[in-house]
């Protein structure tokens, strides 16, 4: 699947949907406090997400229950991680790992464990 880039607000709405797994607009609205979203604004964002293929819905009378179609991991792998590696580490995962090792975010034992996982194809 080819993903379209989401706006910051769309990403926030997706975070809520990923956490709730499915929800009506009225149930999501209280979760947006800073800044507070208007019902119509949230509805528009969700419809945009549906047009982009991230969300689908089930109809119950005149209301819609929305649920994510794209998994959080798939989005993270495609946009978030690739964006960080591309923007900050010259498209090099090696540089990313080296950064964490240099800043003591990954221990030598953890690095050995990572190498073992790679070698074993995990």
Protein backbone atom coordinates (compact mmCIF):
# COMPACT_ATOMS: atom_id res chain seq x y z
CA UNK A 1 0.00 0.00 0.00
CA UNK A 2 1.28 3.47 -0.88
CA UNK A 3 0.70 5.81 2.05
CA UNK A 4 -0.18 9.46 1.73
CA UNK A 5 1.51 11.77 4.22
CA UNK A 6 -0.71 12.85 7.07
CA UNK A 7 -0.94 16.31 8.59
CA UNK A 8 -0.04 16.69 12.27
CA UNK A 9 -3.73 16.87 13.17
CA UNK A 10 -4.50 13.76 11.11
CA UNK A 11 -1.69 11.92 12.90
CA UNK A 12 -3.18 12.96 16.25
CA UNK A 13 -6.58 11.61 15.24
CA UNK A 14 -4.99 8.37 14.03
CA UNK A 15 -3.18 8.01 17.39
CA UNK A 16 -6.56 8.19 19.11
CA UNK A 17 -8.14 5.68 16.73
CA UNK A 18 -5.19 3.30 17.05
CA UNK A 19 -5.54 3.45 20.83
CA UNK A 20 -9.34 3.06 20.86
CA UNK A 21 -9.46 0.61 17.92
CA UNK A 22 -12.86 2.05 16.91
CA UNK A 23 -14.90 5.06 17.98
CA UNK A 24 -17.66 7.50 17.18
CA UNK A 25 -16.71 11.16 16.68
CA UNK A 26 -18.57 12.11 19.88
CA UNK A 27 -16.44 9.62 21.83
CA UNK A 28 -13.16 10.95 20.43
CA UNK A 29 -13.96 14.64 20.87
CA UNK A 30 -13.21 14.86 24.62
CA UNK A 31 -9.71 13.48 23.99
CA UNK A 32 -8.73 16.62 22.07
CA UNK A 33 -8.35 19.29 24.72
CA UNK A 34 -5.30 21.35 23.71
CA UNK A 35 -6.45 22.83 21.45
CA UNK A 36 -10.04 21.76 21.74
CA UNK A 37 -11.54 20.52 18.48
CA UNK A 38 -15.02 21.32 17.26
CA UNK A 39 -17.22 18.36 16.30
CA UNK A 40 -17.35 19.43 12.63
CA UNK A 41 -13.57 19.87 12.49
CA UNK A 42 -12.97 16.37 13.83
CA UNK A 43 -15.57 14.94 11.42
CA UNK A 44 -13.80 16.62 8.51
CA UNK A 45 -10.41 15.26 9.58
CA UNK A 46 -11.82 11.75 9.85
CA UNK A 47 -13.47 12.00 6.41
CA UNK A 48 -10.10 13.13 5.00
CA UNK A 49 -8.45 10.12 6.65
CA UNK A 50 -11.09 7.91 5.08
CA UNK A 51 -10.42 9.42 1.64
CA UNK A 52 -6.69 8.77 2.12
CA UNK A 53 -7.43 5.12 2.96
CA UNK A 54 -6.41 5.20 6.63
CA UNK A 55 -9.89 4.86 8.13
CA UNK A 56 -13.15 3.10 7.34
CA UNK A 57 -16.51 3.11 9.07
CA UNK A 58 -19.53 1.07 10.09
CA UNK A 59 -22.89 2.81 9.86
CA UNK A 60 -25.39 2.67 12.71
CA UNK A 61 -28.46 4.61 11.59
CA UNK A 62 -27.28 8.19 11.06
CA UNK A 63 -23.99 7.77 12.91
CA UNK A 64 -20.68 6.25 11.92
CA UNK A 65 -18.23 4.25 13.97
CA UNK A 66 -14.72 4.75 12.60
CA UNK A 67 -11.83 2.31 12.76
CA UNK A 68 -8.26 2.34 11.44
CA UNK A 69 -7.49 0.39 8.28
CA UNK A 70 -3.76 1.11 8.38
CA UNK A 71 -1.84 -0.44 11.27
CA UNK A 72 0.17 1.88 13.48
CA UNK A 73 3.33 -0.17 12.91
CA UNK A 74 2.95 0.08 9.14
CA UNK A 75 2.60 3.86 9.31
CA UNK A 76 5.52 4.20 11.72
CA UNK A 77 7.76 2.05 9.58
CA UNK A 78 6.88 3.92 6.40
CA UNK A 79 6.91 7.52 7.58
CA UNK A 80 8.22 8.04 11.07
CA UNK A 81 11.30 5.86 11.10
CA UNK A 82 12.22 6.55 7.48
CA UNK A 83 11.77 10.29 8.07
CA UNK A 84 14.02 10.28 11.14
CA UNK A 85 16.71 8.18 9.46
CA UNK A 86 16.53 10.28 6.29
CA UNK A 87 16.46 13.67 8.02
CA UNK A 88 18.94 13.10 10.81
CA UNK A 89 21.13 10.15 9.85
CA UNK A 90 21.78 10.59 6.11
CA UNK A 91 19.52 7.63 5.24
CA UNK A 92 21.86 5.36 7.20
CA UNK A 93 20.53 2.96 9.80
CA UNK A 94 24.15 2.27 10.72
CA UNK A 95 24.52 5.95 11.67
CA UNK A 96 21.31 5.72 13.68
CA UNK A 97 22.59 2.73 15.68
CA UNK A 98 25.99 4.40 16.10
CA UNK A 99 24.27 7.49 17.48
CA UNK A 100 22.47 5.44 20.12
CA UNK A 101 25.65 3.55 20.98
CA UNK A 102 27.72 6.76 21.31
CA UNK A 103 25.08 8.36 23.52
CA UNK A 104 24.87 5.26 25.70
CA UNK A 105 21.24 4.60 24.77
CA UNK A 106 22.21 1.08 23.68
CA UNK A 107 24.61 -1.03 25.70
CA UNK A 108 27.31 -3.25 24.17
CA UNK A 109 25.30 -6.30 25.33
CA UNK A 110 22.22 -4.97 23.55
CA UNK A 111 24.26 -4.38 20.40
CA UNK A 112 25.54 -7.96 20.52
CA UNK A 113 21.95 -9.13 20.95
CA UNK A 114 20.89 -7.06 17.93
CA UNK A 115 23.72 -8.52 15.84
CA UNK A 116 22.71 -12.02 16.89
CA UNK A 117 19.09 -11.31 15.89
CA UNK A 118 20.25 -10.06 12.48
CA UNK A 119 22.48 -13.05 11.92
CA UNK A 120 19.71 -15.45 12.87
CA UNK A 121 17.24 -13.64 10.63
CA UNK A 122 14.81 -12.61 13.37
